[in-house]
Protein backbone atom coordinates (compact mmCIF):
# COMPACT_ATOMS: atom_id res chain seq x y z
CA MET A 1 105.68 104.56 106.58
CA ARG A 2 108.48 102.73 104.80
CA TYR A 3 110.68 104.07 102.00
CA LYS A 4 111.60 102.66 98.63
CA LEU A 5 114.32 103.34 96.08
CA PHE A 6 112.65 104.97 93.09
CA GLY A 7 113.54 102.74 90.16
CA ASN A 8 117.00 101.68 89.03
CA HIS A 9 118.22 105.04 87.69
CA THR A 10 118.06 107.19 90.82
CA GLY A 11 119.13 107.20 94.44
CA LEU A 12 115.82 108.78 95.45
CA ARG A 13 114.27 107.36 98.62
CA VAL A 14 110.50 107.89 98.40
CA SER A 15 107.77 106.99 100.85
CA GLU A 16 105.61 104.00 99.98
CA PHE A 17 102.60 106.25 99.27
CA ALA A 18 102.74 109.47 97.26
CA LEU A 19 100.40 112.34 98.09
CA GLY A 20 98.48 113.47 95.03
CA THR A 21 97.31 117.07 95.27
CA GLY A 22 94.81 117.28 92.43
CA ASN A 23 92.17 118.18 95.03
CA PHE A 24 94.21 121.03 96.54
CA GLY A 25 92.27 124.13 95.51
CA THR A 26 88.79 124.87 94.18
CA GLY A 27 89.57 126.15 90.69
CA TRP A 28 87.64 123.26 89.15
CA GLY A 29 84.63 123.96 91.34
CA TYR A 30 85.42 120.89 93.41
CA GLY A 31 88.32 120.36 95.80
CA SER A 32 89.88 121.29 99.12
CA THR A 33 90.26 124.73 100.60
CA PRO A 34 93.80 125.73 101.67
CA ASP A 35 93.14 124.97 105.35
CA ILE A 36 91.91 121.45 104.61
CA ALA A 37 94.83 120.94 102.22
CA LYS A 38 97.20 121.98 105.02
CA GLY A 39 95.63 119.45 107.39
CA ILE A 40 96.08 116.68 104.81
CA PHE A 41 99.65 117.75 104.04
CA ASP A 42 100.62 117.97 107.74
CA GLY A 43 99.09 114.55 108.41
CA TYR A 44 100.99 113.06 105.48
CA LEU A 45 104.29 114.41 106.79
CA GLU A 46 103.49 113.16 110.29
CA ALA A 47 102.92 109.69 108.84
CA GLY A 48 106.39 109.81 107.28
CA GLY A 49 105.39 110.72 103.72
CA ASN A 50 107.85 112.62 101.54
CA PHE A 51 106.63 112.24 97.93
CA ILE A 52 104.39 115.08 96.70
CA ASP A 53 102.73 114.86 93.27
CA THR A 54 101.06 117.82 91.58
CA ALA A 55 100.64 119.32 88.11
CA ASP A 56 100.39 122.75 86.53
CA SER A 57 96.86 121.98 85.39
CA TYR A 58 95.50 120.87 88.76
CA GLN A 59 92.82 123.33 89.84
CA PHE A 60 94.17 125.66 87.12
CA GLY A 61 97.43 126.30 88.96
CA GLN A 62 95.95 126.57 92.45
CA SER A 63 97.31 123.18 93.48
CA GLU A 64 100.90 124.18 92.75
CA SER A 65 100.44 127.51 94.53
CA ILE A 66 99.03 125.83 97.64
CA VAL A 67 101.75 123.18 97.55
CA GLY A 68 104.38 125.91 97.22
CA ASP A 69 103.18 127.50 100.46
CA LEU A 70 102.97 124.16 102.27
CA ILE A 71 106.40 122.81 101.37
CA ALA A 72 108.43 125.93 102.18
CA ALA A 73 109.66 124.80 105.59
CA GLU A 74 110.21 121.17 104.52
CA ARG A 75 111.45 121.57 100.96
CA GLU A 76 114.75 119.70 101.36
CA ASN A 77 113.03 116.72 102.98
CA LEU A 78 110.55 116.26 100.14
CA VAL A 79 110.56 114.73 96.69
CA LEU A 80 108.50 117.17 94.63
CA ALA A 81 106.98 116.06 91.34
CA THR A 82 104.88 118.09 88.92
CA LYS A 83 103.70 117.76 85.33
CA TYR A 84 103.45 119.79 82.17
CA SER A 85 101.36 119.47 78.97
CA HIS A 86 97.85 120.69 79.86
CA GLY A 87 98.62 124.28 80.88
CA ALA A 88 97.53 126.11 84.01
CA ALA A 89 94.42 127.78 82.63
CA ALA A 90 91.36 126.88 80.62
CA ASN A 91 91.05 127.82 76.95
CA VAL A 92 94.71 128.62 76.36
CA GLY A 93 96.28 128.76 72.91
CA PRO A 94 97.82 125.71 71.22
CA SER A 95 101.41 126.86 71.75
CA VAL A 96 100.97 126.83 75.54
CA VAL A 97 99.92 123.20 75.82
CA GLY A 98 101.16 119.89 74.47
CA ASN A 99 104.57 118.22 74.77
CA SER A 100 106.79 120.60 72.77
CA ARG A 101 110.02 122.04 74.12
CA LYS A 102 108.34 125.48 74.10
CA SER A 103 105.45 124.23 76.19
CA MET A 104 107.85 122.36 78.49
CA VAL A 105 110.11 125.34 79.18
CA GLN A 106 107.22 127.78 79.67
CA ALA A 107 105.46 125.37 82.00
CA VAL A 108 108.53 124.69 84.12
CA GLU A 109 109.31 128.38 84.58
CA ALA A 110 105.70 129.05 85.64
CA SER A 111 105.60 126.00 87.92
CA LEU A 112 108.80 127.04 89.68
CA LYS A 113 107.20 130.39 90.51
CA ARG A 114 103.99 128.85 91.82
CA LEU A 115 105.88 126.20 93.78
CA LYS A 116 108.28 128.84 95.15
CA THR A 117 111.29 126.63 94.61
CA ASP A 118 114.40 126.65 92.44
CA ARG A 119 114.00 123.13 91.08
CA ILE A 120 111.52 120.35 90.41
CA ASP A 121 112.66 116.91 91.57
CA ILE A 122 110.63 114.89 89.03
CA LEU A 123 109.03 116.43 85.95
CA TRP A 124 106.42 114.28 84.26
CA ALA A 125 105.22 114.78 80.71
CA HIS A 126 101.57 114.62 81.70
CA MET A 127 100.03 113.03 78.62
CA SER A 128 101.05 112.29 75.04
CA ASP A 129 99.88 114.93 72.55
CA GLU A 130 100.50 112.42 69.73
CA MET A 131 102.35 115.13 67.81
CA THR A 132 105.66 116.01 69.42
CA PRO A 133 108.58 113.73 68.45
CA ILE A 134 109.84 111.75 71.44
CA GLU A 135 113.37 112.95 70.68
CA GLU A 136 112.27 116.55 71.23
CA ILE A 137 110.76 115.66 74.60
CA VAL A 138 113.74 113.73 75.97
CA ARG A 139 116.23 116.34 74.68
CA GLY A 140 114.14 119.03 76.38
CA PHE A 141 114.25 117.02 79.60
CA ASP A 142 118.04 116.76 79.31
CA ASP A 143 118.44 120.50 78.78
CA LEU A 144 116.38 121.21 81.90
CA VAL A 145 118.39 118.72 83.95
CA ARG A 146 121.65 120.32 82.81
CA ALA A 147 120.22 123.76 83.65
CA GLY A 148 119.34 122.57 87.17
CA LYS A 149 115.64 123.32 86.70
CA ILE A 150 114.63 119.66 87.10
CA LEU A 151 116.47 116.66 88.53
CA TYR A 152 114.71 113.70 86.92
CA PRO A 153 112.28 113.22 83.99
CA GLY A 154 109.46 110.74 83.57
CA PHE A 155 106.34 109.98 81.55
CA SER A 156 102.71 109.88 82.63
CA ASN A 157 99.89 108.47 80.48
CA PHE A 158 102.11 107.70 77.49
CA PRO A 159 102.00 104.44 75.52
CA ALA A 160 104.70 101.94 76.38
CA TRP A 161 106.36 102.02 72.97
CA ARG A 162 106.91 105.80 73.16
CA ILE A 163 108.38 105.63 76.65
CA ALA A 164 110.65 102.75 75.61
CA SER A 165 111.78 104.71 72.56
CA GLY A 166 112.49 107.80 74.66
CA ALA A 167 114.40 105.86 77.30
CA THR A 168 116.51 104.17 74.63
CA ILE A 169 117.31 107.42 72.80
CA ALA A 170 118.28 109.09 76.07
CA ALA A 171 120.57 106.19 77.01
CA LEU A 172 122.27 106.01 73.61
CA ARG A 173 122.91 109.75 73.44
CA GLY A 174 124.05 110.19 77.02
CA TRP A 175 121.11 112.38 77.96
CA ALA A 176 119.44 112.42 81.36
CA PRO A 177 117.85 108.98 81.86
CA ILE A 178 114.09 108.52 81.97
CA VAL A 179 113.46 107.41 85.54
CA GLY A 180 109.75 106.83 86.01
CA LEU A 181 106.31 105.88 84.78
CA GLN A 182 103.01 107.17 86.11
CA THR A 183 99.85 105.37 85.03
CA GLU A 184 96.31 104.63 86.12
CA TYR A 185 96.24 101.35 88.04
CA SER A 186 93.66 99.69 90.26
CA LEU A 187 91.62 96.53 90.67
CA VAL A 188 89.20 97.89 88.07
CA GLU A 189 91.87 99.16 85.66
CA ARG A 190 94.63 96.62 85.12
CA THR A 191 95.35 97.09 81.42
CA ALA A 192 98.74 98.60 82.28
CA GLU A 193 99.80 94.98 82.90
CA ARG A 194 99.76 94.29 79.15
CA GLU A 195 102.62 96.57 78.11
CA LEU A 196 103.28 99.48 80.48
CA LEU A 197 104.27 97.60 83.64
CA PRO A 198 106.46 95.00 81.88
CA MET A 199 108.15 97.84 79.99
CA ALA A 200 108.76 99.73 83.25
CA ARG A 201 110.29 96.64 84.88
CA GLY A 202 112.48 95.99 81.86
CA PHE A 203 113.78 99.56 81.77
CA GLY A 204 114.10 99.86 85.55
CA LEU A 205 111.59 102.70 85.90
CA GLY A 206 110.06 103.72 89.20
CA THR A 207 106.31 103.18 88.83
CA VAL A 208 103.49 105.07 90.52
CA GLY A 209 99.79 104.40 90.08
CA TRP A 210 97.13 107.08 90.09
CA SER A 211 93.50 106.49 91.01
CA PRO A 212 94.12 103.29 93.00
CA LEU A 213 90.45 103.43 94.03
CA GLY A 214 89.09 103.75 90.50
CA GLY A 215 87.82 107.29 91.05
CA GLY A 216 86.08 106.17 94.25
CA LEU A 217 84.41 103.11 92.74
CA LEU A 218 86.28 100.73 95.08
CA THR A 219 85.15 102.59 98.19
CA GLY A 220 81.63 101.31 97.61
CA LYS A 221 80.26 104.83 98.12
CA TYR A 222 78.46 104.99 94.80
CA ARG A 223 76.47 101.91 95.84
CA ARG A 224 75.39 103.84 98.92
CA GLY A 225 74.08 106.68 96.79
CA GLU A 226 76.97 109.05 97.48
CA GLU A 227 78.00 111.05 94.43
CA GLY A 228 81.25 112.90 95.21
CA ARG A 229 83.22 113.30 92.00
CA ALA A 230 80.17 112.22 90.00
CA THR A 231 78.65 115.67 90.54
CA GLY A 232 81.79 117.55 91.61
CA LEU A 233 84.16 116.99 88.73
CA GLY A 234 81.58 115.40 86.50
CA ILE A 235 84.04 112.53 86.15
CA VAL A 236 83.88 109.08 87.64
CA ILE A 237 87.09 107.46 86.50
CA GLN A 238 85.51 104.00 86.45
CA HIS A 239 81.93 102.69 86.55
CA GLU A 240 80.29 99.55 87.89
CA ASN A 241 79.26 98.62 84.38
CA SER A 242 80.04 94.91 84.13
CA ALA A 243 79.50 91.68 86.00
CA GLN A 244 83.23 91.47 86.66
CA ARG A 245 83.34 94.92 88.25
CA THR A 246 80.40 94.03 90.45
CA ALA A 247 82.28 90.89 91.52
CA ILE A 248 85.44 92.92 92.21
CA ILE A 249 83.62 95.35 94.49
CA ASP A 250 81.86 92.46 96.24
CA GLU A 251 85.25 90.80 96.91
CA VAL A 252 86.81 94.04 98.16
CA LEU A 253 83.89 94.56 100.56
CA ALA A 254 84.11 90.95 101.73
CA ILE A 255 87.83 91.13 102.48
CA ALA A 256 87.43 94.48 104.23
CA ALA A 257 84.77 92.94 106.48
CA GLU A 258 86.96 89.88 107.18
CA ILE A 259 89.92 91.90 108.44
CA GLY A 260 88.04 94.82 109.98
CA THR A 261 89.25 97.52 107.64
CA THR A 262 87.72 99.70 104.92
CA PRO A 263 87.28 98.93 101.22
CA SER A 264 89.53 101.89 100.38
CA GLN A 265 92.39 100.40 102.35
CA VAL A 266 91.96 97.03 100.64
CA GLY A 267 92.03 98.67 97.20
CA ILE A 268 95.13 100.74 97.96
CA GLY A 269 96.81 97.81 99.71
CA TRP A 270 96.35 95.62 96.63
CA VAL A 271 98.09 98.17 94.39
CA ALA A 272 101.01 98.35 96.82
CA ALA A 273 101.15 94.54 96.99
CA ARG A 274 101.50 94.46 93.19
CA GLY A 275 104.70 96.54 93.40
CA VAL A 276 103.21 99.82 92.16
CA LEU A 277 103.53 102.86 94.43
CA PRO A 278 100.00 104.23 95.02
CA ILE A 279 99.17 107.92 94.74
CA ILE A 280 96.48 108.78 97.25
CA GLY A 281 94.48 111.91 96.43
CA PRO A 282 92.13 112.69 99.33
CA LYS A 283 89.79 115.68 99.30
CA THR A 284 88.91 115.60 103.01
CA LEU A 285 90.72 114.82 106.23
CA ASP A 286 88.49 111.79 106.77
CA GLN A 287 89.47 110.44 103.36
CA PHE A 288 93.12 111.09 104.14
CA HIS A 289 93.04 109.23 107.46
CA ASP A 290 91.30 106.31 105.77
CA ASN A 291 93.77 106.21 102.85
CA ILE A 292 96.96 106.59 104.86
CA ALA A 293 95.96 103.77 107.21
CA ALA A 294 96.47 101.40 104.26
CA ALA A 295 100.23 101.82 104.79
CA SER A 296 99.98 99.54 107.82
CA LEU A 297 97.67 97.03 106.12
CA VAL A 298 99.19 93.72 105.07
CA LEU A 299 96.95 91.61 102.87
CA SER A 300 97.55 87.88 103.13
CA LYS A 301 98.77 85.92 100.12
CA GLU A 302 95.37 84.26 99.92
CA GLN A 303 93.57 87.61 99.94
CA VAL A 304 95.83 89.03 97.22
CA GLU A 305 95.22 85.91 95.12
CA ARG A 306 91.46 86.27 95.52
CA LEU A 307 91.64 89.87 94.35
CA ASP A 308 93.96 88.90 91.50
CA ARG A 309 91.55 86.23 90.29
CA VAL A 310 88.38 88.28 90.40
CA SER A 311 89.99 91.26 88.63
CA ALA A 312 92.10 89.32 86.09
CA ILE A 313 92.13 90.63 82.52
CA ALA A 314 92.98 88.98 79.22
CA LEU A 315 96.47 90.04 78.20
CA GLY A 316 95.74 89.61 74.51
CA ALA A 317 98.21 89.06 71.68
CA PRO A 318 101.00 88.11 71.73
CA HIS A 319 100.97 87.40 75.47
CA GLU A 320 98.23 84.77 75.39
CA MET A 321 100.21 82.77 72.83
CA THR A 322 103.73 83.17 74.21
CA GLY A 323 102.61 82.61 77.80
CA ASN A 324 100.85 79.30 77.35
CA GLU A 325 102.52 76.09 78.48
CA ARG A 326 102.74 74.50 75.04
CA THR A 327 104.54 77.48 73.50
CA ARG A 328 106.88 77.86 76.46
CA GLN A 329 107.82 74.17 76.29
CA ARG A 330 108.45 74.38 72.55
CA LEU A 331 110.67 77.44 72.94
CA ALA A 332 112.56 75.65 75.71
CA GLY A 333 113.16 72.57 73.58
CA GLY A 334 110.95 70.54 75.87
CA LYS A 335 113.22 71.26 78.86
CA LEU A 336 111.24 74.00 80.58
CA ASP A 337 111.22 72.11 83.88
CA VAL A 338 115.05 72.05 84.02
CA LEU A 339 115.74 75.42 82.39
CA ASP A 340 116.79 78.25 84.73
CA LEU A 341 114.80 81.30 83.68
CA PRO A 342 116.12 84.87 84.04
CA THR A 343 115.29 86.58 87.32
CA ALA A 344 115.06 90.02 85.72
CA PRO A 345 112.83 91.01 82.76
CA MET A 346 114.48 90.78 79.35
CA ILE A 347 114.56 93.84 77.08
């Protein structure tokens, strides 16, 4: 496995795939027992992986507890990320969850105990509560960095404008910089390309994509009658509910057959080819071995273009207007063909 620098605001060297541990534990009634989790974790380390992603809410805290046991001997070699906002138990009170400083501090203290470590390398705000001011969140991050409880802050499942606002406030006030974005991203969920991914490039954020297989949709298993998460978690992140999604799965299956690999590896490989670091989240050892093999898969330019075309989405306003040739020529004074464009995104 190769390693990448995580964004423009850190010196972190992370492996090209992160290991998501949402399936570590059985608190949700669906997941991996500790022995299976250990087999997945050991295999990930053997493959060269070093980027572990968990959350306080995963399996109602069991994931962090299992991860804490697993990382003990390798802690210094790992980049450990967790999240706060949802709480580690069901039916908790409103002051325990959300994005507030109170929720943040309580969650971090509890996560440190479950993870059996003295610091969290990356703390993600798990999801916007649409209530807490962004200034409160980024100031809370800064306080925790200065206290040595976390090293880097980032946002998961927040709208682009809120992340951009938080990153700007942190930069202007000399607070700990926002370093990363975590978002859903796959061949069947590309809407992050409208605002989130351009924002992340413009602000130099490391970007990781969860559910690169669309909740299992891109494996083709639901077509075979397998149910998995459909009956386990009661959640299938994406559905084959349109002609385009049917065409996407058909193309993934076709390319997998052409190159003698699995649909899962094609789906994960496409995310990596798009410059987003995939989070794999296997439940079984077989799923892990299948997922991790995508690290050695190189899709051809032609194959990536085929997948791009079949899964393309409309970018909407204002992108459709500003991106068309007529507008670009007008804004370039008719000299677009001789105008050197910036190599880095403009902010």
